[in-house]
Amino acid sequence: MKPYLICLFGIVLLAVGCGGEKPAERAKLPLPAEATKPTISAENAPHRMDIGDVETGISIEGTVAAESRTPTVVVDEEQSRKGQLTTCTVTVNPPAPAEFSLSFKVQAIKSLQQSGQPILLRGNILRDEKPIKPFSMVFGGNAPAATFPTEVKVNALEGLPAPAPATTLLYMRVEVLLLAPGTDVSALDPATATGTPEGSSSLLSNPVRINFVAAGNPS
């Protein structure tokens, strides 16, 4: 065989041997880091707490305080299927007391109590649509741990002239603000703090209707 043919044959063999990776070999190679990252879609993205979570996670119930449940007082309560108080009707037989205490309890589920976002509640207990007892609290975020249920008591007859009215209606109305993550609650004034429209809402307790029976007409 001629020398130039031998040289050409060697070049061909060298080209075949170095012709690149076979498909099977390429399949065994590790993928770039970007290709192995999981894809996060809207369906499996982590849920970010919104005002709807706060609305459904907080309840407010009003009823007669233990110290005012005397033998002359009749309390009729109704509950929802979930066991939440929906109405409270009270009949007070004579003699009418000088004071009559109601208890409003604010409850929040655990996930809200431990939320990384602070939550502000502020409002009032209203008697016949007039505020008589302000209320505010902050929990979550860097706020000090709150006690739940939080109880707010009010004298239903405070400021009313004697004799007691024939009937009166009380309930608690609370404004709810979901504050921005990282809000420093130590510098927060609950009375003036503001939130965004999408992070604000309001909650109502059940109504408490008190009927005072006139002397000589016991129920």
N, C-alpha and C. Protein backbone atom coordinates (compact mmCIF):
# COMPACT_ATOMS: atom_id res chain seq x y z
N MET A 1 0.87 -1.19 0.00
CA MET A 1 0.00 0.00 0.00
C MET A 1 0.89 1.22 0.00
N LYS A 2 0.41 2.21 -0.80
CA LYS A 2 1.21 3.41 -0.93
C LYS A 2 1.20 4.21 0.36
N PRO A 3 2.28 4.90 0.65
CA PRO A 3 2.37 5.66 1.91
C PRO A 3 1.28 6.68 2.09
N TYR A 4 0.85 7.38 0.98
CA TYR A 4 -0.17 8.42 1.18
C TYR A 4 -1.52 7.83 1.49
N LEU A 5 -1.79 6.57 1.01
CA LEU A 5 -3.05 5.91 1.33
C LEU A 5 -3.09 5.53 2.80
N ILE A 6 -1.93 5.03 3.31
CA ILE A 6 -1.86 4.66 4.72
C ILE A 6 -2.10 5.88 5.59
N CYS A 7 -1.56 7.00 5.22
CA CYS A 7 -1.74 8.24 5.99
C CYS A 7 -3.19 8.69 5.98
N LEU A 8 -3.88 8.59 4.80
CA LEU A 8 -5.29 8.99 4.68
C LEU A 8 -6.18 8.09 5.53
N PHE A 9 -5.89 6.77 5.53
CA PHE A 9 -6.67 5.82 6.32
C PHE A 9 -6.55 6.13 7.82
N GLY A 10 -5.36 6.52 8.27
CA GLY A 10 -5.16 6.87 9.67
C GLY A 10 -5.94 8.10 10.07
N ILE A 11 -6.01 9.08 9.16
CA ILE A 11 -6.77 10.32 9.44
C ILE A 11 -8.26 10.01 9.59
N VAL A 12 -8.79 9.10 8.73
CA VAL A 12 -10.21 8.71 8.80
C VAL A 12 -10.52 8.04 10.12
N LEU A 13 -9.66 7.13 10.57
CA LEU A 13 -9.88 6.44 11.84
C LEU A 13 -9.86 7.42 13.00
N LEU A 14 -8.98 8.37 12.95
CA LEU A 14 -8.89 9.37 14.02
C LEU A 14 -10.15 10.22 14.07
N ALA A 15 -10.70 10.58 12.92
CA ALA A 15 -11.92 11.39 12.87
C ALA A 15 -13.10 10.63 13.42
N VAL A 16 -13.18 9.32 13.12
CA VAL A 16 -14.29 8.49 13.64
C VAL A 16 -14.19 8.36 15.13
N GLY A 17 -12.98 8.18 15.65
CA GLY A 17 -12.81 8.01 17.09
C GLY A 17 -13.12 9.25 17.88
N CYS A 18 -12.96 10.43 17.29
CA CYS A 18 -13.19 11.69 18.01
C CYS A 18 -14.44 12.39 17.52
N GLY A 19 -15.36 11.66 16.96
CA GLY A 19 -16.52 12.26 16.32
C GLY A 19 -17.58 12.76 17.26
N GLY A 20 -17.31 12.89 18.58
CA GLY A 20 -18.31 13.45 19.53
C GLY A 20 -19.01 12.36 20.30
N GLU A 21 -19.88 12.79 21.23
CA GLU A 21 -20.59 11.86 22.10
C GLU A 21 -21.74 11.21 21.36
N LYS A 22 -21.96 9.95 21.69
CA LYS A 22 -23.10 9.24 21.16
C LYS A 22 -24.35 9.69 21.91
N PRO A 23 -25.55 9.57 21.31
CA PRO A 23 -26.79 9.98 21.99
C PRO A 23 -26.96 9.33 23.35
N ALA A 24 -26.63 8.04 23.47
CA ALA A 24 -26.79 7.36 24.75
C ALA A 24 -25.87 7.95 25.80
N GLU A 25 -24.64 8.33 25.36
CA GLU A 25 -23.70 8.91 26.31
C GLU A 25 -24.17 10.28 26.77
N ARG A 26 -24.72 11.09 25.84
CA ARG A 26 -25.22 12.41 26.21
C ARG A 26 -26.37 12.32 27.20
N ALA A 27 -27.20 11.26 27.11
CA ALA A 27 -28.34 11.11 28.02
C ALA A 27 -27.89 10.88 29.45
N LYS A 28 -26.64 10.33 29.61
CA LYS A 28 -26.14 10.04 30.95
C LYS A 28 -25.55 11.26 31.64
N LEU A 29 -25.29 12.31 30.89
CA LEU A 29 -24.68 13.50 31.47
C LEU A 29 -25.67 14.24 32.36
N PRO A 30 -25.20 14.84 33.50
CA PRO A 30 -26.11 15.60 34.37
C PRO A 30 -26.61 16.86 33.68
N LEU A 31 -27.87 17.21 33.93
CA LEU A 31 -28.46 18.40 33.34
C LEU A 31 -27.95 19.64 34.07
N PRO A 32 -27.95 20.79 33.41
CA PRO A 32 -27.58 22.03 34.10
C PRO A 32 -28.52 22.28 35.28
N ALA A 33 -28.03 23.05 36.25
CA ALA A 33 -28.81 23.29 37.46
C ALA A 33 -30.15 23.91 37.14
N GLU A 34 -30.20 24.80 36.13
CA GLU A 34 -31.45 25.48 35.80
C GLU A 34 -32.51 24.50 35.35
N ALA A 35 -32.08 23.42 34.68
CA ALA A 35 -33.04 22.48 34.14
C ALA A 35 -33.63 21.58 35.20
N THR A 36 -32.97 21.45 36.36
CA THR A 36 -33.46 20.56 37.41
C THR A 36 -34.32 21.26 38.44
N LYS A 37 -34.47 22.61 38.36
CA LYS A 37 -35.29 23.33 39.34
C LYS A 37 -36.77 23.04 39.13
N PRO A 38 -37.55 22.81 40.19
CA PRO A 38 -38.98 22.55 40.02
C PRO A 38 -39.69 23.79 39.51
N THR A 39 -40.68 23.57 38.70
CA THR A 39 -41.48 24.67 38.18
C THR A 39 -42.62 24.98 39.14
N ILE A 40 -42.72 26.26 39.58
CA ILE A 40 -43.78 26.67 40.51
C ILE A 40 -44.88 27.34 39.69
N SER A 41 -46.03 26.70 39.67
CA SER A 41 -47.17 27.25 38.94
C SER A 41 -48.08 27.99 39.91
N ALA A 42 -49.07 28.65 39.38
CA ALA A 42 -50.03 29.37 40.22
C ALA A 42 -50.78 28.42 41.13
N GLU A 43 -50.93 27.15 40.67
CA GLU A 43 -51.70 26.19 41.47
C GLU A 43 -50.95 25.71 42.70
N ASN A 44 -49.58 25.53 42.57
CA ASN A 44 -48.84 24.98 43.70
C ASN A 44 -47.95 26.01 44.39
N ALA A 45 -48.13 27.31 44.08
CA ALA A 45 -47.34 28.34 44.75
C ALA A 45 -47.78 28.47 46.20
N PRO A 46 -46.85 28.80 47.13
CA PRO A 46 -47.21 28.95 48.54
C PRO A 46 -48.29 30.01 48.72
N HIS A 47 -49.27 29.72 49.58
CA HIS A 47 -50.36 30.67 49.81
C HIS A 47 -49.89 31.85 50.64
N ARG A 48 -50.20 33.05 50.19
CA ARG A 48 -49.88 34.24 50.94
C ARG A 48 -51.15 34.72 51.64
N MET A 49 -51.06 34.93 52.96
CA MET A 49 -52.23 35.28 53.73
C MET A 49 -52.84 36.58 53.23
N ASP A 50 -54.17 36.62 53.15
CA ASP A 50 -54.87 37.82 52.75
C ASP A 50 -55.97 38.13 53.75
N ILE A 51 -56.70 39.21 53.51
CA ILE A 51 -57.71 39.66 54.47
C ILE A 51 -58.84 38.63 54.61
N GLY A 52 -59.07 37.84 53.56
CA GLY A 52 -60.09 36.80 53.65
C GLY A 52 -59.75 35.76 54.70
N ASP A 53 -58.46 35.41 54.81
CA ASP A 53 -58.04 34.46 55.84
C ASP A 53 -58.29 35.02 57.24
N VAL A 54 -58.07 36.32 57.40
CA VAL A 54 -58.28 36.96 58.70
C VAL A 54 -59.76 36.99 59.05
N GLU A 55 -60.59 37.33 58.07
CA GLU A 55 -62.03 37.40 58.30
C GLU A 55 -62.59 36.06 58.77
N THR A 56 -62.15 34.98 58.13
CA THR A 56 -62.68 33.66 58.47
C THR A 56 -62.03 33.07 59.73
N GLY A 57 -60.89 33.64 60.14
CA GLY A 57 -60.16 33.08 61.29
C GLY A 57 -60.43 33.78 62.61
N ILE A 58 -61.29 34.81 62.60
CA ILE A 58 -61.59 35.56 63.82
C ILE A 58 -63.09 35.52 64.08
N SER A 59 -63.47 35.30 65.32
CA SER A 59 -64.88 35.33 65.70
C SER A 59 -65.05 36.18 66.95
N ILE A 60 -66.22 36.79 67.08
CA ILE A 60 -66.54 37.62 68.23
C ILE A 60 -67.92 37.20 68.75
N GLU A 61 -68.00 36.83 70.02
CA GLU A 61 -69.26 36.39 70.60
C GLU A 61 -69.59 37.20 71.85
N GLY A 62 -70.84 37.64 71.92
CA GLY A 62 -71.29 38.42 73.07
C GLY A 62 -72.40 37.71 73.81
N THR A 63 -72.35 37.78 75.14
CA THR A 63 -73.37 37.16 75.97
C THR A 63 -73.34 37.81 77.35
N VAL A 64 -74.16 37.31 78.26
CA VAL A 64 -74.22 37.85 79.62
C VAL A 64 -73.03 37.33 80.42
N ALA A 65 -72.32 38.22 81.10
CA ALA A 65 -71.19 37.82 81.92
C ALA A 65 -71.67 36.97 83.09
N ALA A 66 -70.77 36.15 83.61
CA ALA A 66 -71.14 35.21 84.67
C ALA A 66 -71.70 35.92 85.89
N GLU A 67 -71.13 37.08 86.24
CA GLU A 67 -71.57 37.77 87.46
C GLU A 67 -72.96 38.36 87.35
N SER A 68 -73.50 38.45 86.12
CA SER A 68 -74.85 39.00 85.95
C SER A 68 -75.90 37.93 85.69
N ARG A 69 -75.51 36.68 85.74
CA ARG A 69 -76.46 35.58 85.52
C ARG A 69 -77.12 35.18 86.84
N THR A 70 -78.00 36.03 87.29
CA THR A 70 -78.71 35.81 88.56
C THR A 70 -80.02 35.06 88.30
N PRO A 71 -80.72 34.62 89.36
CA PRO A 71 -81.99 33.89 89.18
C PRO A 71 -83.07 34.68 88.45
N THR A 72 -82.98 36.00 88.45
CA THR A 72 -84.00 36.81 87.77
C THR A 72 -83.68 37.05 86.29
N VAL A 73 -82.57 36.48 85.82
CA VAL A 73 -82.14 36.70 84.43
C VAL A 73 -82.31 35.41 83.62
N VAL A 74 -82.96 35.53 82.47
CA VAL A 74 -83.16 34.41 81.55
C VAL A 74 -82.38 34.70 80.27
N VAL A 75 -81.49 33.78 79.90
CA VAL A 75 -80.65 33.96 78.72
C VAL A 75 -81.02 32.91 77.67
N ASP A 76 -81.37 33.38 76.49
CA ASP A 76 -81.72 32.49 75.38
C ASP A 76 -80.69 32.70 74.26
N GLU A 77 -79.89 31.68 73.99
CA GLU A 77 -78.82 31.78 72.98
C GLU A 77 -79.09 30.83 71.82
N GLU A 78 -78.73 31.27 70.64
CA GLU A 78 -78.82 30.42 69.45
C GLU A 78 -77.44 30.32 68.82
N GLN A 79 -77.13 29.13 68.29
CA GLN A 79 -75.82 28.89 67.68
C GLN A 79 -75.97 28.41 66.24
N SER A 80 -74.90 28.63 65.47
CA SER A 80 -74.86 28.12 64.10
C SER A 80 -74.54 26.64 64.13
N ARG A 81 -74.53 26.01 62.96
CA ARG A 81 -74.19 24.59 62.88
C ARG A 81 -72.75 24.33 63.31
N LYS A 82 -71.91 25.35 63.20
CA LYS A 82 -70.52 25.22 63.61
C LYS A 82 -70.32 25.53 65.09
N GLY A 83 -71.42 25.81 65.79
CA GLY A 83 -71.32 26.07 67.22
C GLY A 83 -71.01 27.50 67.59
N GLN A 84 -71.07 28.41 66.62
CA GLN A 84 -70.79 29.82 66.92
C GLN A 84 -72.09 30.52 67.31
N LEU A 85 -71.99 31.38 68.32
CA LEU A 85 -73.14 32.11 68.82
C LEU A 85 -73.64 33.08 67.75
N THR A 86 -74.94 33.02 67.47
CA THR A 86 -75.51 33.90 66.44
C THR A 86 -76.45 34.95 67.04
N THR A 87 -77.17 34.62 68.08
CA THR A 87 -78.03 35.60 68.75
C THR A 87 -78.05 35.32 70.25
N CYS A 88 -78.29 36.38 71.01
CA CYS A 88 -78.42 36.25 72.47
C CYS A 88 -79.53 37.19 72.91
N THR A 89 -80.60 36.62 73.44
CA THR A 89 -81.74 37.41 73.92
C THR A 89 -81.84 37.23 75.43
N VAL A 90 -81.89 38.35 76.12
CA VAL A 90 -81.86 38.32 77.59
C VAL A 90 -83.12 38.96 78.14
N THR A 91 -83.72 38.29 79.11
CA THR A 91 -84.87 38.84 79.82
C THR A 91 -84.48 39.07 81.27
N VAL A 92 -84.62 40.32 81.72
CA VAL A 92 -84.26 40.68 83.10
C VAL A 92 -85.54 41.00 83.85
N ASN A 93 -85.87 40.17 84.81
CA ASN A 93 -87.06 40.38 85.62
C ASN A 93 -86.76 41.35 86.77
N PRO A 94 -87.79 42.01 87.28
CA PRO A 94 -87.55 42.96 88.38
C PRO A 94 -87.11 42.24 89.66
N PRO A 95 -86.38 42.97 90.49
CA PRO A 95 -86.01 44.37 90.31
C PRO A 95 -84.84 44.53 89.34
N ALA A 96 -84.85 45.62 88.57
CA ALA A 96 -83.78 45.87 87.62
C ALA A 96 -82.48 46.15 88.37
N PRO A 97 -81.36 45.55 87.95
CA PRO A 97 -80.08 45.78 88.64
C PRO A 97 -79.52 47.16 88.32
N ALA A 98 -78.64 47.63 89.20
CA ALA A 98 -77.97 48.92 88.95
C ALA A 98 -76.92 48.76 87.86
N GLU A 99 -76.34 47.57 87.75
CA GLU A 99 -75.36 47.27 86.70
C GLU A 99 -75.73 45.94 86.06
N PHE A 100 -75.39 45.82 84.78
CA PHE A 100 -75.65 44.56 84.09
C PHE A 100 -74.49 44.33 83.11
N SER A 101 -73.67 43.34 83.41
CA SER A 101 -72.41 43.14 82.69
C SER A 101 -72.55 42.15 81.54
N LEU A 102 -72.03 42.57 80.38
CA LEU A 102 -71.94 41.69 79.22
C LEU A 102 -70.49 41.36 78.93
N SER A 103 -70.27 40.22 78.32
CA SER A 103 -68.93 39.76 77.98
C SER A 103 -68.84 39.52 76.48
N PHE A 104 -67.87 40.17 75.83
CA PHE A 104 -67.60 39.94 74.42
C PHE A 104 -66.22 39.29 74.30
N LYS A 105 -66.18 38.13 73.65
CA LYS A 105 -64.93 37.38 73.53
C LYS A 105 -64.47 37.34 72.08
N VAL A 106 -63.21 37.76 71.89
CA VAL A 106 -62.58 37.76 70.56
C VAL A 106 -61.66 36.55 70.48
N GLN A 107 -61.89 35.72 69.48
CA GLN A 107 -61.09 34.50 69.31
C GLN A 107 -60.44 34.51 67.93
N ALA A 108 -59.19 34.02 67.86
CA ALA A 108 -58.46 33.90 66.59
C ALA A 108 -57.85 32.51 66.51
N ILE A 109 -57.87 31.94 65.32
CA ILE A 109 -57.29 30.60 65.14
C ILE A 109 -55.77 30.68 65.27
N LYS A 110 -55.15 29.53 65.52
CA LYS A 110 -53.71 29.47 65.80
C LYS A 110 -52.85 30.06 64.69
N SER A 111 -53.21 29.77 63.43
CA SER A 111 -52.38 30.24 62.33
C SER A 111 -52.33 31.76 62.28
N LEU A 112 -53.40 32.43 62.70
CA LEU A 112 -53.38 33.89 62.74
C LEU A 112 -52.57 34.39 63.93
N GLN A 113 -52.68 33.71 65.07
CA GLN A 113 -51.92 34.12 66.25
C GLN A 113 -50.42 34.05 66.00
N GLN A 114 -50.00 33.09 65.18
CA GLN A 114 -48.58 32.89 64.91
C GLN A 114 -48.16 33.46 63.55
N SER A 115 -49.00 34.30 62.98
CA SER A 115 -48.73 34.85 61.66
C SER A 115 -47.50 35.76 61.67
N GLY A 116 -46.77 35.76 60.58
CA GLY A 116 -45.63 36.67 60.44
C GLY A 116 -46.06 38.09 60.14
N GLN A 117 -47.32 38.26 59.77
CA GLN A 117 -47.85 39.59 59.51
C GLN A 117 -48.68 40.06 60.71
N PRO A 118 -48.44 41.28 61.20
CA PRO A 118 -49.25 41.77 62.31
C PRO A 118 -50.68 42.07 61.87
N ILE A 119 -51.60 41.84 62.80
CA ILE A 119 -53.02 42.07 62.56
C ILE A 119 -53.53 43.03 63.63
N LEU A 120 -54.20 44.07 63.20
CA LEU A 120 -54.74 45.08 64.12
C LEU A 120 -56.26 44.98 64.15
N LEU A 121 -56.79 44.89 65.37
CA LEU A 121 -58.23 44.95 65.58
C LEU A 121 -58.54 46.19 66.41
N ARG A 122 -59.50 46.95 65.98
CA ARG A 122 -59.93 48.11 66.76
C ARG A 122 -61.41 48.37 66.48
N GLY A 123 -62.10 48.79 67.53
CA GLY A 123 -63.52 49.03 67.35
C GLY A 123 -64.18 49.47 68.63
N ASN A 124 -65.46 49.11 68.77
CA ASN A 124 -66.24 49.58 69.89
C ASN A 124 -67.38 48.61 70.17
N ILE A 125 -67.81 48.59 71.40
CA ILE A 125 -69.09 47.98 71.74
C ILE A 125 -70.13 49.09 71.62
N LEU A 126 -71.19 48.80 70.88
CA LEU A 126 -72.22 49.80 70.64
C LEU A 126 -73.52 49.42 71.37
N ARG A 127 -74.17 50.42 71.91
CA ARG A 127 -75.48 50.23 72.53
C ARG A 127 -76.47 51.12 71.77
N ASP A 128 -77.43 50.49 71.14
CA ASP A 128 -78.39 51.22 70.31
C ASP A 128 -77.67 52.15 69.34
N GLU A 129 -76.62 51.60 68.72
CA GLU A 129 -75.82 52.25 67.69
C GLU A 129 -74.91 53.37 68.21
N LYS A 130 -74.76 53.50 69.49
CA LYS A 130 -73.86 54.51 70.06
C LYS A 130 -72.69 53.82 70.75
N PRO A 131 -71.45 54.20 70.41
CA PRO A 131 -70.29 53.53 71.03
C PRO A 131 -70.17 53.84 72.51
N ILE A 132 -69.94 52.80 73.30
CA ILE A 132 -69.81 52.99 74.75
C ILE A 132 -68.54 52.36 75.33
N LYS A 133 -67.83 51.53 74.53
CA LYS A 133 -66.64 50.87 75.06
C LYS A 133 -65.64 50.61 73.94
N PRO A 134 -64.55 51.41 73.85
CA PRO A 134 -63.57 51.19 72.79
C PRO A 134 -62.73 49.94 73.04
N PHE A 135 -62.17 49.42 71.97
CA PHE A 135 -61.37 48.19 72.06
C PHE A 135 -60.33 48.21 70.95
N SER A 136 -59.11 47.74 71.27
CA SER A 136 -58.08 47.56 70.24
C SER A 136 -57.07 46.54 70.71
N MET A 137 -56.46 45.84 69.76
CA MET A 137 -55.38 44.92 70.06
C MET A 137 -54.60 44.64 68.79
N VAL A 138 -53.32 44.25 68.96
CA VAL A 138 -52.45 43.89 67.84
C VAL A 138 -51.81 42.55 68.18
N PHE A 139 -51.78 41.65 67.21
CA PHE A 139 -51.11 40.36 67.42
C PHE A 139 -50.49 39.91 66.10
N GLY A 140 -49.61 38.91 66.19
CA GLY A 140 -48.88 38.45 65.01
C GLY A 140 -47.66 39.33 64.78
N GLY A 141 -46.83 38.94 63.81
CA GLY A 141 -45.62 39.70 63.53
C GLY A 141 -44.71 39.76 64.74
N ASN A 142 -44.19 40.95 65.06
CA ASN A 142 -43.31 41.11 66.22
C ASN A 142 -44.07 41.63 67.44
N ALA A 143 -45.40 41.51 67.43
CA ALA A 143 -46.20 41.93 68.58
C ALA A 143 -46.05 40.92 69.72
N PRO A 144 -46.16 41.38 70.97
CA PRO A 144 -46.14 40.44 72.09
C PRO A 144 -47.26 39.41 71.96
N ALA A 145 -47.04 38.23 72.48
CA ALA A 145 -48.05 37.18 72.39
C ALA A 145 -49.35 37.63 73.05
N ALA A 146 -50.44 37.43 72.37
CA ALA A 146 -51.76 37.82 72.88
C ALA A 146 -52.46 36.62 73.50
N THR A 147 -53.38 36.90 74.40
CA THR A 147 -54.17 35.85 75.04
C THR A 147 -55.50 35.72 74.32
N PHE A 148 -55.84 34.50 73.93
CA PHE A 148 -57.11 34.24 73.28
C PHE A 148 -57.85 33.13 74.02
N PRO A 149 -59.18 33.24 74.15
CA PRO A 149 -59.97 34.39 73.71
C PRO A 149 -59.70 35.62 74.58
N THR A 150 -59.75 36.79 73.94
CA THR A 150 -59.62 38.06 74.65
C THR A 150 -61.02 38.53 75.05
N GLU A 151 -61.21 38.77 76.33
CA GLU A 151 -62.54 39.14 76.84
C GLU A 151 -62.63 40.65 77.08
N VAL A 152 -63.71 41.24 76.61
CA VAL A 152 -63.99 42.65 76.84
C VAL A 152 -65.35 42.74 77.52
N LYS A 153 -65.37 43.34 78.71
CA LYS A 153 -66.63 43.44 79.45
C LYS A 153 -67.14 44.88 79.42
N VAL A 154 -68.45 45.00 79.51
CA VAL A 154 -69.07 46.32 79.51
C VAL A 154 -70.34 46.28 80.37
N ASN A 155 -70.59 47.37 81.08
CA ASN A 155 -71.84 47.52 81.83
C ASN A 155 -72.89 48.03 80.86
N ALA A 156 -73.87 47.20 80.53
CA ALA A 156 -74.88 47.57 79.54
C ALA A 156 -75.72 48.76 79.97
N LEU A 157 -75.74 49.07 81.27
CA LEU A 157 -76.57 50.17 81.78
C LEU A 157 -75.76 51.43 82.06
N GLU A 158 -74.46 51.38 81.81
CA GLU A 158 -73.62 52.54 82.13
C GLU A 158 -74.07 53.78 81.37
N GLY A 159 -74.28 54.86 82.12
CA GLY A 159 -74.66 56.13 81.51
C GLY A 159 -76.14 56.28 81.23
N LEU A 160 -76.93 55.25 81.50
CA LEU A 160 -78.37 55.34 81.26
C LEU A 160 -79.09 55.82 82.53
N PRO A 161 -80.08 56.70 82.37
CA PRO A 161 -80.84 57.15 83.54
C PRO A 161 -81.77 56.05 84.04
N ALA A 162 -82.05 56.04 85.34
CA ALA A 162 -83.01 55.09 85.90
C ALA A 162 -84.42 55.63 85.64
N PRO A 163 -85.39 54.78 85.46
CA PRO A 163 -85.28 53.31 85.42
C PRO A 163 -84.69 52.81 84.11
N ALA A 164 -84.33 51.54 84.09
CA ALA A 164 -83.74 50.95 82.89
C ALA A 164 -84.74 51.00 81.74
N PRO A 165 -84.26 51.12 80.51
CA PRO A 165 -85.17 51.14 79.36
C PRO A 165 -85.87 49.80 79.19
N ALA A 166 -86.95 49.81 78.46
CA ALA A 166 -87.68 48.56 78.25
C ALA A 166 -86.83 47.55 77.47
N THR A 167 -86.01 48.04 76.56
CA THR A 167 -85.16 47.16 75.78
C THR A 167 -83.95 47.92 75.27
N THR A 168 -82.87 47.20 75.02
CA THR A 168 -81.66 47.80 74.45
C THR A 168 -80.90 46.73 73.69
N LEU A 169 -80.15 47.15 72.69
CA LEU A 169 -79.42 46.22 71.83
C LEU A 169 -77.94 46.59 71.82
N LEU A 170 -77.09 45.59 72.09
CA LEU A 170 -75.65 45.81 72.10
C LEU A 170 -74.95 44.82 71.19
N TYR A 171 -73.84 45.25 70.60
CA TYR A 171 -72.99 44.37 69.80
C TYR A 171 -71.61 45.02 69.67
N MET A 172 -70.64 44.25 69.23
CA MET A 172 -69.29 44.77 69.01
C MET A 172 -69.02 44.85 67.51
N ARG A 173 -68.48 45.98 67.10
CA ARG A 173 -68.07 46.17 65.70
C ARG A 173 -66.56 46.44 65.70
N VAL A 174 -65.82 45.68 64.89
CA VAL A 174 -64.35 45.75 64.88
C VAL A 174 -63.84 45.96 63.48
N GLU A 175 -62.94 46.89 63.32
CA GLU A 175 -62.22 47.08 62.06
C GLU A 175 -60.98 46.20 62.08
N VAL A 176 -60.72 45.53 60.98
CA VAL A 176 -59.59 44.61 60.86
C VAL A 176 -58.60 45.15 59.84
N LEU A 177 -57.33 45.23 60.24
CA LEU A 177 -56.27 45.67 59.33
C LEU A 177 -55.18 44.61 59.29
N LEU A 178 -54.88 44.10 58.10
CA LEU A 178 -53.76 43.19 57.90
C LEU A 178 -52.57 44.05 57.51
N LEU A 179 -51.65 44.25 58.45
CA LEU A 179 -50.52 45.16 58.23
C LEU A 179 -49.42 44.51 57.40
N ALA A 180 -48.56 45.33 56.83
CA ALA A 180 -47.50 44.84 55.95
C ALA A 180 -46.48 44.02 56.75
N PRO A 181 -45.90 42.97 56.15
CA PRO A 181 -44.85 42.22 56.84
C PRO A 181 -43.71 43.14 57.24
N GLY A 182 -43.19 42.92 58.44
CA GLY A 182 -42.08 43.74 58.93
C GLY A 182 -42.51 45.01 59.63
N THR A 183 -43.81 45.27 59.74
CA THR A 183 -44.29 46.46 60.46
C THR A 183 -43.85 46.40 61.92
N ASP A 184 -43.26 47.47 62.42
CA ASP A 184 -42.82 47.54 63.81
C ASP A 184 -44.01 47.95 64.67
N VAL A 185 -44.62 46.99 65.34
CA VAL A 185 -45.84 47.29 66.10
C VAL A 185 -45.53 48.08 67.37
N SER A 186 -44.27 48.10 67.80
CA SER A 186 -43.93 48.86 69.00
C SER A 186 -44.10 50.36 68.78
N ALA A 187 -44.03 50.78 67.51
CA ALA A 187 -44.20 52.19 67.18
C ALA A 187 -45.57 52.48 66.59
N LEU A 188 -46.48 51.51 66.72
CA LEU A 188 -47.79 51.62 66.09
C LEU A 188 -48.81 52.22 67.04
N ASP A 189 -49.58 53.18 66.57
CA ASP A 189 -50.70 53.74 67.32
C ASP A 189 -51.97 53.11 66.76
N PRO A 190 -52.62 52.21 67.50
CA PRO A 190 -53.81 51.53 66.98
C PRO A 190 -54.92 52.48 66.54
N ALA A 191 -54.98 53.65 67.15
CA ALA A 191 -56.06 54.59 66.82
C ALA A 191 -55.87 55.24 65.46
N THR A 192 -54.61 55.38 65.01
CA THR A 192 -54.35 56.11 63.77
C THR A 192 -53.75 55.26 62.67
N ALA A 193 -53.41 54.02 62.96
CA ALA A 193 -52.80 53.15 61.95
C ALA A 193 -53.74 52.98 60.75
N THR A 194 -53.16 52.90 59.58
CA THR A 194 -53.94 52.75 58.36
C THR A 194 -53.48 51.51 57.60
N GLY A 195 -54.36 51.01 56.77
CA GLY A 195 -54.03 49.86 55.94
C GLY A 195 -54.50 50.11 54.53
N THR A 196 -54.22 49.18 53.65
CA THR A 196 -54.66 49.29 52.27
C THR A 196 -56.10 48.80 52.15
N PRO A 197 -56.84 49.24 51.14
CA PRO A 197 -58.22 48.77 50.97
C PRO A 197 -58.32 47.24 50.87
N GLU A 198 -57.34 46.63 50.19
CA GLU A 198 -57.40 45.17 50.05
C GLU A 198 -56.98 44.45 51.33
N GLY A 199 -56.43 45.19 52.30
CA GLY A 199 -56.03 44.58 53.57
C GLY A 199 -56.89 45.04 54.73
N SER A 200 -58.08 45.53 54.44
CA SER A 200 -58.96 46.05 55.49
C SER A 200 -60.34 45.41 55.39
N SER A 201 -60.96 45.24 56.55
CA SER A 201 -62.31 44.70 56.57
C SER A 201 -62.94 45.04 57.92
N SER A 202 -64.12 44.52 58.18
CA SER A 202 -64.77 44.74 59.47
C SER A 202 -65.53 43.49 59.87
N LEU A 203 -65.66 43.31 61.18
CA LEU A 203 -66.35 42.15 61.74
C LEU A 203 -67.37 42.61 62.78
N LEU A 204 -68.45 41.84 62.91
CA LEU A 204 -69.48 42.13 63.90
C LEU A 204 -69.66 40.92 64.80
N SER A 205 -69.94 41.18 66.06
CA SER A 205 -70.33 40.10 66.96
C SER A 205 -71.80 39.79 66.73
N ASN A 206 -72.28 38.76 67.39
CA ASN A 206 -73.71 38.52 67.42
C ASN A 206 -74.39 39.63 68.23
N PRO A 207 -75.64 39.95 67.95
CA PRO A 207 -76.35 40.96 68.75
C PRO A 207 -76.79 40.40 70.09
N VAL A 208 -76.79 41.27 71.09
CA VAL A 208 -77.30 40.90 72.42
C VAL A 208 -78.48 41.83 72.72
N ARG A 209 -79.67 41.28 72.70
CA ARG A 209 -80.89 42.04 72.99
C ARG A 209 -81.29 41.83 74.45
N ILE A 210 -81.40 42.93 75.20
CA ILE A 210 -81.79 42.85 76.61
C ILE A 210 -83.16 43.48 76.78
N ASN A 211 -84.08 42.71 77.32
CA ASN A 211 -85.44 43.18 77.61
C ASN A 211 -85.61 43.25 79.12
N PHE A 212 -85.97 44.44 79.62
CA PHE A 212 -86.20 44.64 81.05
C PHE A 212 -87.71 44.62 81.32
N VAL A 213 -88.11 43.67 82.15
CA VAL A 213 -89.54 43.53 82.48
C VAL A 213 -89.90 44.53 83.58
N ALA A 214 -90.99 45.25 83.35
CA ALA A 214 -91.44 46.25 84.33
C ALA A 214 -91.92 45.57 85.60
N ALA A 215 -91.81 46.26 86.72
CA ALA A 215 -92.26 45.73 87.99
C ALA A 215 -93.75 45.39 87.92
N GLY A 216 -94.14 44.26 88.48
CA GLY A 216 -95.54 43.81 88.45
C GLY A 216 -95.87 42.97 87.23
N ASN A 217 -94.91 42.80 86.29
CA ASN A 217 -95.14 41.99 85.09
C ASN A 217 -94.01 41.00 84.88
N PRO A 218 -93.72 40.13 85.84
CA PRO A 218 -92.62 39.18 85.67
C PRO A 218 -92.89 38.22 84.51
N SER A 219 -91.84 37.80 83.83
CA SER A 219 -92.00 36.89 82.68
C SER A 219 -92.28 35.47 83.15
